[in-house]
Protein backbone atom coordinates (compact mmCIF):
# COMPACT_ATOMS: atom_id res chain seq x y z
CA MET A 1 39.03 -10.56 -4.52
CA ASN A 2 35.26 -10.49 -4.49
CA GLU A 3 33.68 -7.05 -4.76
CA ILE A 4 30.66 -6.03 -2.74
CA GLN A 5 27.75 -5.45 -5.03
CA LEU A 6 25.24 -2.76 -4.10
CA SER A 7 21.64 -2.83 -5.21
CA PRO A 8 20.48 0.16 -7.30
CA ASP A 9 18.59 1.58 -4.27
CA GLN A 10 21.64 1.18 -2.00
CA ASP A 11 23.87 2.77 -4.62
CA ARG A 12 21.53 5.76 -4.98
CA ALA A 13 21.38 6.15 -1.17
CA ALA A 14 25.16 6.17 -0.96
CA ILE A 15 25.42 8.75 -3.73
CA ASN A 16 22.76 10.95 -2.09
CA LEU A 17 24.50 10.78 1.28
CA ARG A 18 27.81 11.82 -0.29
CA ARG A 19 26.07 14.85 -1.78
CA ILE A 20 24.95 16.12 1.64
CA ASP A 21 27.20 18.42 3.63
CA LEU A 22 26.75 17.02 7.14
CA ASN A 23 27.53 20.45 8.60
CA LEU A 24 24.25 21.58 7.07
CA LEU A 25 22.41 19.08 9.25
CA VAL A 26 23.93 20.63 12.37
CA MET A 27 22.70 24.04 11.19
CA PHE A 28 19.31 22.55 10.39
CA GLU A 29 18.97 21.21 13.93
CA ALA A 30 19.85 24.62 15.36
CA LEU A 31 17.28 26.35 13.12
CA VAL A 32 14.49 23.96 14.11
CA GLU A 33 15.21 24.40 17.82
CA GLU A 34 15.96 28.12 17.88
CA ARG A 35 13.30 29.09 15.28
CA SER A 36 15.41 32.08 14.39
CA VAL A 37 18.28 32.57 11.96
CA SER A 38 20.05 35.03 14.27
CA LYS A 39 19.70 32.79 17.36
CA ALA A 40 20.86 29.72 15.45
CA ALA A 41 23.84 31.70 14.18
CA ALA A 42 24.73 32.85 17.70
CA ARG A 43 24.54 29.28 19.00
CA LEU A 44 26.83 28.02 16.25
CA ASN A 45 29.19 31.01 16.35
CA LEU A 46 28.39 31.80 12.73
CA THR A 47 27.07 34.86 10.91
CA SER A 48 23.38 35.18 10.14
CA SER A 49 24.17 35.32 6.44
CA ALA A 50 25.99 31.97 6.66
CA VAL A 51 22.98 30.36 8.33
CA SER A 52 20.59 31.91 5.80
CA HIS A 53 22.72 30.52 2.98
CA ALA A 54 22.68 27.10 4.67
CA LEU A 55 18.89 27.23 4.90
CA ARG A 56 18.65 27.91 1.17
CA ARG A 57 20.87 24.90 0.46
CA LEU A 58 18.82 22.73 2.80
CA ARG A 59 15.61 23.76 1.05
CA ASP A 60 17.12 22.80 -2.28
CA GLN A 61 18.41 19.52 -0.90
CA PHE A 62 15.15 18.38 0.69
CA LYS A 63 12.74 20.07 -1.74
CA ASP A 64 10.80 21.61 1.15
CA PRO A 65 10.56 25.13 2.68
CA LEU A 66 11.56 23.59 6.05
CA MET A 67 11.13 26.85 8.03
CA LEU A 68 8.20 29.23 7.51
CA ARG A 69 8.02 32.84 8.66
CA THR A 70 4.95 33.74 10.74
CA ALA A 71 3.89 36.61 12.98
CA GLN A 72 5.24 34.59 15.93
CA GLY A 73 8.58 33.88 14.25
CA MET A 74 9.88 30.97 12.21
CA VAL A 75 8.12 27.60 12.55
CA PRO A 76 9.21 24.23 11.13
CA THR A 77 7.15 22.52 8.45
CA PRO A 78 5.85 18.98 9.11
CA GLU A 79 8.68 17.66 6.93
CA ALA A 80 11.23 19.60 9.00
CA VAL A 81 9.85 18.11 12.22
CA ARG A 82 10.07 14.62 10.72
CA LEU A 83 13.65 15.17 9.59
CA ALA A 84 14.68 16.72 12.93
CA LYS A 85 13.40 13.70 14.82
CA SER A 86 15.38 11.31 12.60
CA PHE A 87 18.56 13.40 12.64
CA ARG A 88 18.44 13.66 16.42
CA LYS A 89 18.59 9.89 16.80
CA ALA A 90 21.53 9.76 14.41
CA PHE A 91 23.42 12.53 16.23
CA SER A 92 22.89 10.80 19.58
CA GLU A 93 24.26 7.53 18.23
CA ILE A 94 27.30 9.28 16.77
CA GLU A 95 27.99 11.09 20.05
CA ASN A 96 27.71 7.85 22.01
CA ALA A 97 29.94 6.04 19.52
CA ILE A 98 32.79 8.53 19.83
CA GLY A 99 32.47 8.74 23.60
CA VAL A 100 31.33 12.34 24.04
CA ALA A 101 29.75 11.37 27.34
CA GLY A 102 32.35 11.01 30.08
CA GLU A 103 32.35 10.97 33.83
CA PHE A 104 30.94 13.89 35.78
CA ASP A 105 32.36 14.80 39.17
CA PRO A 106 30.31 17.65 40.68
CA ALA A 107 33.05 18.45 43.19
CA THR A 108 35.54 19.36 40.43
CA ALA A 109 33.26 20.19 37.47
CA ARG A 110 33.38 23.59 35.76
CA ARG A 111 30.11 23.97 33.92
CA THR A 112 27.13 26.30 33.56
CA PHE A 113 23.62 24.88 33.58
CA LEU A 114 20.67 26.76 32.13
CA LEU A 115 17.37 26.63 33.98
CA ARG A 116 14.04 28.15 33.00
CA VAL A 117 11.36 28.44 35.68
CA SER A 118 8.31 30.53 36.48
CA ASP A 119 8.16 32.36 39.78
CA TYR A 120 5.76 29.89 41.39
CA VAL A 121 8.37 27.14 40.92
CA GLY A 122 11.42 29.32 41.47
CA ILE A 123 10.44 30.25 45.02
CA LEU A 124 10.36 26.58 45.97
CA LEU A 125 13.36 25.40 43.96
CA LEU A 126 16.01 28.11 43.68
CA PRO A 127 16.98 28.68 47.36
CA ARG A 128 17.44 24.93 47.91
CA LEU A 129 19.18 24.41 44.57
CA CYS A 130 21.67 27.23 45.11
CA VAL A 131 22.59 25.96 48.58
CA GLU A 132 23.10 22.45 47.23
CA LEU A 133 25.26 23.65 44.32
CA ARG A 134 27.46 25.76 46.57
CA THR A 135 27.92 22.76 48.87
CA VAL A 136 28.52 19.84 46.51
CA ALA A 137 29.43 21.54 43.21
CA PRO A 138 31.23 24.84 43.95
CA GLY A 139 32.53 25.14 40.38
CA VAL A 140 29.10 24.77 38.77
CA SER A 141 27.32 27.96 37.69
CA LEU A 142 23.61 28.45 37.17
CA SER A 143 21.90 30.73 34.65
CA VAL A 144 18.21 31.15 35.45
CA GLN A 145 15.70 32.49 32.92
CA SER A 146 11.99 33.19 33.13
CA PHE A 147 9.39 32.01 30.65
CA GLU A 148 8.53 34.37 27.83
CA MET A 149 4.79 34.83 27.44
CA ARG A 150 4.85 34.32 23.66
CA GLN A 151 7.45 31.61 23.58
CA PRO A 152 6.37 28.41 21.75
CA SER A 153 5.28 25.89 24.39
CA ASP A 154 7.28 23.03 22.83
CA ARG A 155 10.62 24.82 22.68
CA VAL A 156 13.22 23.71 25.18
CA GLU A 157 16.54 25.45 25.62
CA TYR A 158 19.24 23.47 23.83
CA GLU A 159 21.41 22.82 26.88
CA GLY A 160 18.94 23.65 29.63
CA VAL A 161 16.12 22.32 31.76
CA GLU A 162 12.62 23.76 32.05
CA ILE A 163 10.48 23.24 35.12
CA ARG A 164 6.86 23.73 34.12
CA LEU A 165 3.31 22.57 34.60
CA SER A 166 2.39 19.41 32.77
CA VAL A 167 -0.17 20.21 30.08
CA SER A 168 -0.96 16.53 29.39
CA ARG A 169 -1.84 17.21 25.77
CA GLY A 170 0.82 15.07 24.14
CA HIS A 171 4.60 15.33 24.14
CA SER A 172 6.64 17.55 21.86
CA VAL A 173 8.99 15.79 19.49
CA LEU A 174 11.61 18.32 20.60
CA SER A 175 11.64 17.51 24.32
CA ALA A 176 11.96 14.78 26.91
CA SER A 177 10.47 15.03 30.39
CA ARG A 178 10.26 13.58 33.87
CA ARG A 179 7.53 14.08 36.45
CA ILE A 180 9.08 15.72 39.49
CA LEU A 181 6.03 16.63 41.55
CA ASP A 182 2.37 15.69 41.71
CA ASP A 183 0.66 18.52 43.54
CA ARG A 184 -2.88 19.84 43.89
CA TRP A 185 -4.70 23.14 43.79
CA MET A 186 -5.66 25.02 46.93
CA VAL A 187 -7.86 28.09 47.33
CA LEU A 188 -6.49 31.08 49.23
CA MET A 189 -8.62 33.73 50.96
CA ARG A 190 -8.20 36.19 53.78
CA LYS A 191 -9.00 35.32 57.37
CA GLY A 192 -12.45 36.62 58.17
CA HIS A 193 -13.67 36.16 54.58
CA PRO A 194 -17.43 35.46 54.58
CA ALA A 195 -16.74 32.13 52.81
CA ALA A 196 -14.13 31.03 55.34
CA SER A 197 -16.67 29.91 57.94
CA ALA A 198 -17.82 26.82 56.05
CA PRO A 199 -16.40 24.17 53.68
CA LEU A 200 -15.81 25.58 50.21
CA THR A 201 -18.25 24.11 47.68
CA LEU A 202 -17.91 24.28 43.91
CA ASP A 203 -20.93 26.56 43.59
CA LYS A 204 -19.50 28.94 46.17
CA TYR A 205 -16.08 28.88 44.51
CA LEU A 206 -17.51 29.84 41.12
CA GLU A 207 -19.74 32.51 42.66
CA LEU A 208 -16.91 34.39 44.38
CA GLY A 209 -14.67 37.00 42.75
CA HIS A 210 -11.24 35.70 41.72
CA LEU A 211 -7.75 37.05 41.44
CA LYS A 212 -5.84 35.43 38.57
CA VAL A 213 -2.11 35.35 38.03
CA SER A 214 -1.36 35.89 34.34
CA GLY A 215 0.56 33.07 32.73
CA VAL A 216 0.48 29.36 32.09
CA GLY A 217 -0.38 28.19 35.62
CA SER A 218 -3.73 29.90 36.03
CA SER A 219 -4.52 29.53 32.34
CA ILE A 220 -4.29 25.76 32.61
CA LEU A 221 -6.77 25.87 35.48
CA ASP A 222 -9.18 27.88 33.33
CA GLU A 223 -8.82 25.34 30.53
CA LEU A 224 -9.56 22.45 32.90
CA LEU A 225 -12.67 24.23 34.18
CA ALA A 226 -13.80 25.05 30.63
CA GLU A 227 -13.60 21.35 29.71
CA ARG A 228 -16.29 20.81 32.35
CA GLY A 229 -18.40 23.72 31.14
CA LEU A 230 -17.35 25.88 34.09
CA ALA A 231 -15.73 29.30 34.43
CA ARG A 232 -14.59 31.38 37.37
CA ARG A 233 -15.38 35.07 37.76
CA VAL A 234 -11.99 36.78 37.36
CA MET A 235 -12.03 40.32 38.73
CA ILE A 236 -8.31 41.18 38.86
CA GLN A 237 -5.24 39.85 37.08
CA VAL A 238 -1.71 40.34 38.42
CA PRO A 239 1.56 39.45 36.64
CA THR A 240 3.27 37.40 39.38
CA TRP A 241 2.39 35.07 42.21
CA GLN A 242 4.30 37.25 44.68
CA GLY A 243 1.92 40.15 44.06
CA MET A 244 -1.10 38.04 44.84
CA VAL A 245 -1.01 37.72 48.65
CA PRO A 246 -1.30 41.43 49.59
CA VAL A 247 -4.39 41.74 47.38
CA ILE A 248 -6.00 38.63 48.87
CA GLU A 249 -5.28 39.87 52.41
CA SER A 250 -7.06 43.18 51.79
CA THR A 251 -10.09 42.13 49.69
CA ASP A 252 -12.79 39.48 49.46
CA LEU A 253 -11.19 37.99 46.34
CA ILE A 254 -9.94 34.42 46.34
CA ALA A 255 -7.11 32.77 44.38
CA ALA A 256 -6.14 29.26 43.34
CA MET A 257 -2.51 28.28 43.84
CA PRO A 258 -0.31 25.19 44.18
CA ALA A 259 -0.44 23.42 47.53
CA HIS A 260 3.35 23.27 47.79
CA TRP A 261 3.36 27.05 48.21
CA MET A 262 0.98 27.14 51.12
CA GLY A 263 3.52 26.60 53.87
CA SER A 264 5.40 29.78 53.03
CA VAL A 265 2.29 31.78 52.09
CA LEU A 266 0.30 31.02 55.23
CA SER A 267 3.26 31.63 57.53
CA GLY A 268 3.04 35.25 58.61
CA SER A 269 0.12 36.15 56.35
CA ASN A 270 -3.50 36.96 57.12
CA CYS A 271 -4.77 34.14 54.88
CA VAL A 272 -6.35 30.72 55.15
CA ALA A 273 -6.48 27.95 52.56
CA PHE A 274 -9.08 25.39 51.54
CA PRO A 275 -8.90 22.33 49.29
CA PHE A 276 -9.97 23.02 45.73
CA PRO A 277 -13.61 21.87 45.35
CA LEU A 278 -12.70 19.71 42.33
CA PRO A 279 -9.99 17.45 43.77
CA GLU A 280 -9.61 15.54 40.49
CA LEU A 281 -8.00 18.64 38.93
CA ALA A 282 -4.41 17.63 39.58
CA LEU A 283 -1.41 19.90 39.36
CA SER A 284 1.67 18.16 37.97
CA ILE A 285 5.10 19.66 37.44
CA ASP A 286 7.62 18.27 34.94
CA ALA A 287 11.29 18.79 34.22
CA VAL A 288 11.73 19.09 30.45
CA TRP A 289 14.96 18.95 28.44
CA HIS A 290 16.38 18.31 24.99
CA PRO A 291 16.56 14.55 24.21
CA ARG A 292 20.17 14.86 23.09
CA ASN A 293 21.08 15.49 26.74
CA ASP A 294 19.49 12.23 27.94
CA HIS A 295 22.82 10.47 28.43
CA ASP A 296 25.02 13.45 29.30
CA PRO A 297 26.34 12.54 32.80
CA GLY A 298 26.43 16.16 33.99
CA HIS A 299 22.97 16.89 32.69
CA LYS A 300 21.63 13.68 34.28
CA TRP A 301 23.20 14.69 37.60
CA PHE A 302 21.61 18.16 37.39
CA ARG A 303 18.18 16.74 36.57
CA GLU A 304 18.41 14.22 39.41
CA LEU A 305 19.40 16.98 41.83
CA ILE A 306 16.31 19.01 40.85
CA HIS A 307 14.09 15.95 41.22
CA GLN A 308 15.49 15.19 44.69
CA ILE A 309 14.97 18.79 45.86
CA PHE A 310 11.31 18.66 44.85
CA GLN A 311 10.82 15.30 46.55
CA ASP A 312 12.42 16.51 49.78
CA ALA A 313 10.40 19.73 49.76
CA HIS A 314 7.17 17.83 49.19
CA LYS A 315 7.87 15.47 52.12
CA LYS A 316 8.48 18.44 54.40
CA SER A 317 5.27 20.19 53.39
CA HIS A 318 2.94 20.87 56.31
CA VAL A 319 -0.12 21.47 54.19
CA GLN A 320 -3.08 19.53 55.58
CA ASP A 321 -5.82 17.95 53.47
């Protein structure tokens, strides 16, 4: 019988692959995503010492530090990012080959979905999402988390979905995304404000005192203004969007906020809203998830449900241009 002859390079590749403990690659993926030995260990149901030992073996295997300790936590080296991207494709192909993905029936499913949102999105999404889940998927649970101020912007929860502003500065190798809403900025002020009697110009907007909500939303607006050599005069910062309206109602400060919020904010408040004087500054919101969940039927159903809720809410918006 003829034997299959391997080239020297193929033979070396086969030998090298046999030397690798594939369980280490699973731990490596968890370390890159969690950026913490303890969190990776918790995800894998292992001890921290076992994960630390695995990291040492991985460093020896790939001749690279892979994970570096910084003041903000562990960060992957460029080589680790490159390896993670390649391993992810391989894991996805393996999962598809062995049929991990099955059918998903929301009416009978028993599953918990993780969702991370900021309060400006949560107010729009969560009431509608919870009603829909209780109606069509009574066995599905939802775990909602807020964004951490110092959390790396490219980190996506392993099994979850993030709903966040689109930064439009390139995509992370650790996430996939879908645009779920194209919105715009509006400017909120109290009724009777001296600036409310005329159209709001850019010069007037920059001249007035501003209330800023701390966090990514308002910070992105400041970055967009800075790119044009502009800056607003921030007088007060508050931690949440909910705390903004009472301050606006009782002062001559103004605030920028997403248009999709205006229906609920203007109803019953002593405020009026004007279009942002730079209409080209768009406000886009994306759903972001781990690429390994692309073909998971349940995850796809959950993402589609979120997308549909945003589309329906946007159609029902009564905000006028």
